[in-house]
């Protein structure tokens, strides 16, 4: 699925719908395909705690792996503050991944990027990356 621009202007009067869950889950799956979150929610589906916790776990994994400067979201309350935080976090994660892609970042180890030159060799290795450990 393609990336969908997150809704970052949630207000208290906005209702969370199946379309919102599909967008959020699809964006998580875009960044982290192994999450395999459900993206075919329909009007009669009921969002349960298991599905919500799977979403939060995938976000936590992304935040800790990609290393963006944000708190891990743990709230199970579906209000505008939580939704804005989740959607902004997804946008921040996407922005960092896109920057890394444009800069040809080969990998991220413990928060430090390893860059590769045009010949595929690593000109510099992150300080906290140790081979063979």
N, C-alpha and C. Protein backbone atom coordinates (compact mmCIF):
# COMPACT_ATOMS: atom_id res chain seq x y z
N UNK A 1 0.84 -1.19 0.00
CA UNK A 1 0.00 0.00 0.00
C UNK A 1 0.88 1.25 0.00
N UNK A 2 0.36 2.28 -0.55
CA UNK A 2 1.08 3.55 -0.61
C UNK A 2 0.91 4.32 0.70
N UNK A 3 1.86 5.21 0.94
CA UNK A 3 1.79 6.07 2.11
C UNK A 3 0.62 7.02 1.96
N UNK A 4 -0.11 7.24 3.05
CA UNK A 4 -1.23 8.18 3.07
C UNK A 4 -0.93 9.27 4.08
N UNK A 5 -1.13 10.50 3.70
CA UNK A 5 -0.83 11.62 4.60
C UNK A 5 -1.66 11.50 5.88
N UNK A 6 -0.99 11.50 7.03
CA UNK A 6 -1.72 11.39 8.30
C UNK A 6 -2.58 12.62 8.58
N UNK A 7 -3.64 12.42 9.32
CA UNK A 7 -4.50 13.52 9.78
C UNK A 7 -3.92 13.99 11.10
N UNK A 8 -3.38 15.19 11.12
CA UNK A 8 -2.73 15.69 12.34
C UNK A 8 -3.48 16.87 12.96
N UNK A 9 -4.73 17.04 12.55
CA UNK A 9 -5.52 18.16 13.08
C UNK A 9 -6.80 17.64 13.74
N UNK A 10 -6.66 16.56 14.48
CA UNK A 10 -7.82 16.00 15.17
C UNK A 10 -8.37 17.01 16.18
N UNK A 11 -9.67 17.11 16.25
CA UNK A 11 -10.35 17.96 17.23
C UNK A 11 -11.27 17.07 18.06
N UNK A 12 -11.67 17.55 19.21
CA UNK A 12 -12.51 16.76 20.11
C UNK A 12 -13.85 16.36 19.47
N UNK A 13 -14.31 17.10 18.48
CA UNK A 13 -15.59 16.78 17.84
C UNK A 13 -15.45 15.72 16.74
N UNK A 14 -14.20 15.39 16.34
CA UNK A 14 -13.98 14.40 15.28
C UNK A 14 -14.25 13.00 15.78
N UNK A 15 -14.87 12.20 14.93
CA UNK A 15 -15.13 10.80 15.26
C UNK A 15 -14.08 9.92 14.59
N UNK A 16 -13.58 8.94 15.32
CA UNK A 16 -12.62 7.98 14.79
C UNK A 16 -13.41 6.92 14.03
N UNK A 17 -13.10 6.75 12.73
CA UNK A 17 -13.85 5.83 11.89
C UNK A 17 -12.97 4.69 11.39
N UNK A 18 -13.62 3.75 10.74
CA UNK A 18 -12.88 2.63 10.15
C UNK A 18 -11.89 3.12 9.09
N UNK A 19 -12.23 4.19 8.38
CA UNK A 19 -11.32 4.75 7.37
C UNK A 19 -10.05 5.29 8.03
N UNK A 20 -10.20 5.88 9.21
CA UNK A 20 -9.03 6.37 9.95
C UNK A 20 -8.14 5.20 10.39
N UNK A 21 -8.77 4.14 10.88
CA UNK A 21 -7.99 2.97 11.30
C UNK A 21 -7.28 2.34 10.10
N UNK A 22 -7.96 2.28 8.97
CA UNK A 22 -7.33 1.74 7.76
C UNK A 22 -6.11 2.56 7.35
N UNK A 23 -6.24 3.89 7.42
CA UNK A 23 -5.12 4.77 7.05
C UNK A 23 -3.94 4.59 8.01
N UNK A 24 -4.22 4.60 9.28
CA UNK A 24 -3.17 4.48 10.29
C UNK A 24 -2.48 3.12 10.18
N UNK A 25 -3.27 2.06 10.10
CA UNK A 25 -2.70 0.71 10.00
C UNK A 25 -1.90 0.56 8.71
N UNK A 26 -2.41 1.10 7.62
CA UNK A 26 -1.68 1.01 6.34
C UNK A 26 -0.36 1.76 6.41
N UNK A 27 -0.34 2.90 7.09
CA UNK A 27 0.91 3.65 7.23
C UNK A 27 1.91 2.91 8.11
N UNK A 28 1.43 2.27 9.17
CA UNK A 28 2.32 1.45 9.99
C UNK A 28 2.88 0.31 9.15
N UNK A 29 2.02 -0.36 8.40
CA UNK A 29 2.47 -1.47 7.55
C UNK A 29 3.44 -0.99 6.47
N UNK A 30 3.26 0.22 5.99
CA UNK A 30 4.18 0.78 5.00
C UNK A 30 5.59 0.89 5.58
N UNK A 31 5.67 1.38 6.82
CA UNK A 31 6.96 1.55 7.48
C UNK A 31 7.50 0.25 8.06
N UNK A 32 6.61 -0.66 8.41
CA UNK A 32 6.99 -1.89 9.11
C UNK A 32 6.09 -3.03 8.62
N UNK A 33 6.39 -3.55 7.42
CA UNK A 33 5.51 -4.57 6.82
C UNK A 33 5.28 -5.79 7.70
N UNK A 34 6.26 -6.14 8.54
CA UNK A 34 6.10 -7.31 9.39
C UNK A 34 5.01 -7.13 10.45
N UNK A 35 4.58 -5.90 10.66
CA UNK A 35 3.51 -5.67 11.63
C UNK A 35 2.22 -6.33 11.17
N UNK A 36 1.99 -6.34 9.87
CA UNK A 36 0.81 -7.00 9.27
C UNK A 36 -0.49 -6.61 9.96
N UNK A 37 -0.65 -5.33 10.21
CA UNK A 37 -1.90 -4.87 10.84
C UNK A 37 -3.04 -4.96 9.84
N UNK A 38 -4.22 -5.21 10.34
CA UNK A 38 -5.42 -5.29 9.52
C UNK A 38 -5.68 -3.93 8.87
N UNK A 39 -5.91 -3.92 7.56
CA UNK A 39 -6.15 -2.66 6.84
C UNK A 39 -7.45 -2.69 6.05
N UNK A 40 -8.30 -3.64 6.35
CA UNK A 40 -9.58 -3.73 5.63
C UNK A 40 -10.76 -3.58 6.60
N UNK A 41 -10.65 -2.61 7.48
CA UNK A 41 -11.73 -2.35 8.43
C UNK A 41 -12.95 -1.85 7.66
N UNK A 42 -14.12 -2.24 8.12
CA UNK A 42 -15.37 -1.79 7.51
C UNK A 42 -16.26 -1.18 8.60
N UNK A 43 -17.33 -0.57 8.15
CA UNK A 43 -18.21 0.18 9.05
C UNK A 43 -18.66 -0.62 10.27
N UNK A 44 -18.92 -1.89 10.14
CA UNK A 44 -19.46 -2.69 11.25
C UNK A 44 -18.40 -3.35 12.11
N UNK A 45 -17.12 -3.14 11.81
CA UNK A 45 -16.05 -3.74 12.62
C UNK A 45 -15.95 -3.04 13.97
N UNK A 46 -15.50 -3.79 14.94
CA UNK A 46 -15.35 -3.27 16.29
C UNK A 46 -13.86 -3.29 16.64
N UNK A 47 -13.31 -2.14 16.95
CA UNK A 47 -11.90 -2.04 17.33
C UNK A 47 -11.77 -2.53 18.77
N UNK A 48 -11.05 -3.64 18.93
CA UNK A 48 -10.87 -4.19 20.27
C UNK A 48 -9.47 -3.88 20.80
N UNK A 49 -9.26 -4.21 22.06
CA UNK A 49 -8.00 -3.90 22.73
C UNK A 49 -6.83 -4.63 22.06
N UNK A 50 -7.04 -5.85 21.61
CA UNK A 50 -5.97 -6.61 20.98
C UNK A 50 -5.45 -5.91 19.73
N UNK A 51 -6.35 -5.44 18.88
CA UNK A 51 -5.93 -4.73 17.67
C UNK A 51 -5.27 -3.39 17.99
N UNK A 52 -5.80 -2.69 18.98
CA UNK A 52 -5.22 -1.41 19.37
C UNK A 52 -3.82 -1.61 19.95
N UNK A 53 -3.66 -2.62 20.79
CA UNK A 53 -2.34 -2.89 21.38
C UNK A 53 -1.33 -3.35 20.32
N UNK A 54 -1.79 -4.05 19.29
CA UNK A 54 -0.90 -4.45 18.19
C UNK A 54 -0.41 -3.20 17.45
N UNK A 55 -1.30 -2.23 17.25
CA UNK A 55 -0.91 -0.97 16.63
C UNK A 55 0.12 -0.24 17.48
N UNK A 56 -0.14 -0.13 18.78
CA UNK A 56 0.79 0.57 19.67
C UNK A 56 2.13 -0.15 19.76
N UNK A 57 2.11 -1.48 19.74
CA UNK A 57 3.37 -2.25 19.79
C UNK A 57 4.20 -2.00 18.52
N UNK A 58 3.53 -1.94 17.38
CA UNK A 58 4.24 -1.68 16.13
C UNK A 58 4.83 -0.27 16.14
N UNK A 59 4.08 0.70 16.64
CA UNK A 59 4.60 2.07 16.75
C UNK A 59 5.80 2.12 17.69
N UNK A 60 5.71 1.43 18.80
CA UNK A 60 6.83 1.40 19.75
C UNK A 60 8.07 0.82 19.09
N UNK A 61 7.91 -0.27 18.36
CA UNK A 61 9.03 -0.88 17.66
C UNK A 61 9.65 0.11 16.68
N UNK A 62 8.81 0.80 15.92
CA UNK A 62 9.32 1.77 14.94
C UNK A 62 10.06 2.92 15.61
N UNK A 63 9.51 3.45 16.68
CA UNK A 63 10.14 4.57 17.40
C UNK A 63 11.51 4.14 17.94
N UNK A 64 11.57 2.95 18.52
CA UNK A 64 12.82 2.49 19.10
C UNK A 64 13.84 2.09 18.04
N UNK A 65 13.38 1.61 16.90
CA UNK A 65 14.29 1.18 15.84
C UNK A 65 14.79 2.35 15.01
N UNK A 66 13.89 3.23 14.63
CA UNK A 66 14.25 4.35 13.77
C UNK A 66 14.84 5.50 14.58
N UNK A 67 14.59 5.50 15.87
CA UNK A 67 15.18 6.49 16.77
C UNK A 67 14.75 7.92 16.46
N UNK A 68 13.45 8.19 16.61
CA UNK A 68 13.00 9.58 16.52
C UNK A 68 12.82 10.09 17.95
N UNK A 69 12.88 11.40 18.09
CA UNK A 69 12.82 12.02 19.40
C UNK A 69 11.36 12.23 19.80
N UNK A 70 10.76 11.19 20.35
CA UNK A 70 9.38 11.25 20.77
C UNK A 70 9.13 10.20 21.84
N UNK A 71 8.08 10.39 22.60
CA UNK A 71 7.71 9.41 23.61
C UNK A 71 6.92 8.29 22.95
N UNK A 72 7.06 7.10 23.48
CA UNK A 72 6.27 5.97 23.01
C UNK A 72 4.84 6.18 23.48
N UNK A 73 3.90 6.01 22.58
CA UNK A 73 2.48 6.21 22.91
C UNK A 73 1.93 4.93 23.52
N UNK A 74 1.30 5.07 24.67
CA UNK A 74 0.74 3.91 25.37
C UNK A 74 -0.74 4.07 25.67
N UNK A 75 -1.30 5.21 25.34
CA UNK A 75 -2.68 5.50 25.71
C UNK A 75 -3.67 4.62 24.95
N UNK A 76 -4.65 4.12 25.67
CA UNK A 76 -5.73 3.37 25.05
C UNK A 76 -6.98 4.24 24.92
N UNK A 77 -6.85 5.52 25.22
CA UNK A 77 -7.97 6.45 25.12
C UNK A 77 -8.01 7.03 23.71
N UNK A 78 -9.11 6.85 23.02
CA UNK A 78 -9.26 7.39 21.67
C UNK A 78 -9.83 8.80 21.75
N UNK A 79 -8.94 9.76 21.97
CA UNK A 79 -9.34 11.15 21.97
C UNK A 79 -8.47 11.91 20.99
N UNK A 80 -8.74 13.18 20.81
CA UNK A 80 -8.01 13.96 19.80
C UNK A 80 -6.52 14.06 20.12
N UNK A 81 -6.17 14.15 21.38
CA UNK A 81 -4.75 14.25 21.75
C UNK A 81 -3.99 12.98 21.38
N UNK A 82 -4.58 11.83 21.68
CA UNK A 82 -3.94 10.55 21.33
C UNK A 82 -3.83 10.39 19.82
N UNK A 83 -4.91 10.71 19.12
CA UNK A 83 -4.90 10.55 17.67
C UNK A 83 -3.90 11.49 17.01
N UNK A 84 -3.83 12.74 17.48
CA UNK A 84 -2.83 13.66 16.94
C UNK A 84 -1.42 13.17 17.20
N UNK A 85 -1.19 12.62 18.40
CA UNK A 85 0.14 12.11 18.74
C UNK A 85 0.52 10.94 17.84
N UNK A 86 -0.39 10.02 17.64
CA UNK A 86 -0.12 8.85 16.79
C UNK A 86 0.15 9.28 15.36
N UNK A 87 -0.71 10.12 14.83
CA UNK A 87 -0.55 10.52 13.43
C UNK A 87 0.71 11.37 13.23
N UNK A 88 1.04 12.24 14.19
CA UNK A 88 2.27 13.02 14.08
C UNK A 88 3.49 12.11 14.19
N UNK A 89 3.41 11.12 15.07
CA UNK A 89 4.51 10.18 15.21
C UNK A 89 4.74 9.41 13.90
N UNK A 90 3.66 8.99 13.27
CA UNK A 90 3.79 8.31 11.98
C UNK A 90 4.44 9.22 10.94
N UNK A 91 4.03 10.48 10.92
CA UNK A 91 4.62 11.41 9.95
C UNK A 91 6.11 11.61 10.23
N UNK A 92 6.48 11.74 11.50
CA UNK A 92 7.90 11.90 11.87
C UNK A 92 8.71 10.67 11.48
N UNK A 93 8.15 9.49 11.69
CA UNK A 93 8.83 8.26 11.30
C UNK A 93 9.02 8.20 9.79
N UNK A 94 7.97 8.53 9.08
CA UNK A 94 8.05 8.53 7.61
C UNK A 94 9.10 9.53 7.12
N UNK A 95 9.10 10.72 7.72
CA UNK A 95 10.08 11.75 7.31
C UNK A 95 11.50 11.26 7.51
N UNK A 96 11.77 10.60 8.63
CA UNK A 96 13.13 10.12 8.88
C UNK A 96 13.51 9.01 7.91
N UNK A 97 12.58 8.11 7.64
CA UNK A 97 12.86 7.04 6.68
C UNK A 97 13.13 7.63 5.30
N UNK A 98 12.36 8.62 4.90
CA UNK A 98 12.56 9.24 3.59
C UNK A 98 13.90 9.97 3.51
N UNK A 99 14.29 10.65 4.59
CA UNK A 99 15.60 11.32 4.62
C UNK A 99 16.70 10.28 4.50
N UNK A 100 16.59 9.20 5.25
CA UNK A 100 17.59 8.15 5.17
C UNK A 100 17.68 7.57 3.77
N UNK A 101 16.54 7.39 3.13
CA UNK A 101 16.53 6.85 1.79
C UNK A 101 17.21 7.79 0.80
N UNK A 102 16.91 9.09 0.91
CA UNK A 102 17.54 10.07 0.01
C UNK A 102 19.04 10.16 0.24
N UNK A 103 19.49 9.92 1.48
CA UNK A 103 20.91 9.99 1.79
C UNK A 103 21.60 8.64 1.62
N UNK A 104 20.86 7.65 1.15
CA UNK A 104 21.39 6.31 0.93
C UNK A 104 21.92 5.68 2.21
N UNK A 105 21.15 5.83 3.28
CA UNK A 105 21.53 5.17 4.53
C UNK A 105 21.35 3.68 4.33
N UNK A 106 22.40 2.93 4.59
CA UNK A 106 22.33 1.49 4.39
C UNK A 106 21.59 0.81 5.53
N UNK A 107 21.83 1.24 6.74
CA UNK A 107 21.22 0.59 7.87
C UNK A 107 21.33 1.50 9.09
N UNK A 108 20.62 1.15 10.11
CA UNK A 108 20.67 1.90 11.36
C UNK A 108 20.99 0.92 12.47
N UNK A 109 22.06 1.17 13.21
CA UNK A 109 22.43 0.32 14.33
C UNK A 109 22.43 1.16 15.59
N UNK A 110 21.61 0.82 16.53
CA UNK A 110 21.55 1.51 17.81
C UNK A 110 21.41 3.02 17.63
N UNK A 111 20.64 3.42 16.63
CA UNK A 111 20.34 4.83 16.44
C UNK A 111 21.32 5.58 15.58
N UNK A 112 22.46 4.98 15.21
CA UNK A 112 23.42 5.66 14.35
C UNK A 112 23.32 5.10 12.94
N UNK A 113 23.39 5.99 11.97
CA UNK A 113 23.28 5.59 10.58
C UNK A 113 24.62 5.13 10.03
N UNK A 114 24.57 4.13 9.16
CA UNK A 114 25.75 3.73 8.41
C UNK A 114 25.50 4.16 6.97
N UNK A 115 26.33 5.03 6.46
CA UNK A 115 26.17 5.52 5.11
C UNK A 115 27.05 4.73 4.16
N UNK A 116 26.59 4.56 2.93
CA UNK A 116 27.43 3.86 1.97
C UNK A 116 27.75 4.78 0.81
N UNK A 117 28.92 4.63 0.27
CA UNK A 117 29.35 5.42 -0.87
C UNK A 117 28.82 4.77 -2.15
N UNK A 118 29.06 5.43 -3.27
CA UNK A 118 28.55 4.92 -4.54
C UNK A 118 29.08 3.53 -4.87
N UNK A 119 30.25 3.18 -4.35
CA UNK A 119 30.82 1.87 -4.63
C UNK A 119 30.29 0.80 -3.68
N UNK A 120 29.38 1.18 -2.78
CA UNK A 120 28.79 0.21 -1.86
C UNK A 120 29.60 -0.03 -0.61
N UNK A 121 30.72 0.64 -0.46
CA UNK A 121 31.55 0.46 0.73
C UNK A 121 31.15 1.46 1.80
N UNK A 122 31.32 1.08 3.05
CA UNK A 122 31.00 1.98 4.15
C UNK A 122 32.20 2.87 4.42
N UNK A 123 32.09 4.18 4.17
CA UNK A 123 33.22 5.07 4.45
C UNK A 123 33.42 5.31 5.93
N UNK A 124 32.36 5.19 6.70
CA UNK A 124 32.49 5.37 8.15
C UNK A 124 31.50 4.46 8.84
N UNK A 125 31.90 3.92 9.95
CA UNK A 125 31.06 3.01 10.71
C UNK A 125 30.66 3.70 12.00
N UNK A 126 29.41 3.56 12.36
CA UNK A 126 28.93 4.19 13.59
C UNK A 126 29.80 3.76 14.77
N UNK A 127 30.04 4.69 15.66
CA UNK A 127 30.94 4.46 16.79
C UNK A 127 30.50 3.28 17.66
N UNK A 128 29.20 3.10 17.82
CA UNK A 128 28.74 2.04 18.72
C UNK A 128 28.40 0.75 17.97
N UNK A 129 28.83 0.61 16.74
CA UNK A 129 28.65 -0.63 16.02
C UNK A 129 29.93 -1.42 16.04
N UNK A 130 29.89 -2.61 16.57
CA UNK A 130 31.08 -3.44 16.69
C UNK A 130 30.85 -4.73 15.90
N UNK A 131 31.69 -5.01 14.96
CA UNK A 131 31.55 -6.22 14.17
C UNK A 131 31.85 -7.45 15.01
N UNK A 132 31.07 -8.49 14.78
CA UNK A 132 31.35 -9.76 15.43
C UNK A 132 30.84 -9.89 16.85
N UNK A 133 30.12 -8.91 17.32
CA UNK A 133 29.60 -8.99 18.69
C UNK A 133 28.14 -9.38 18.64
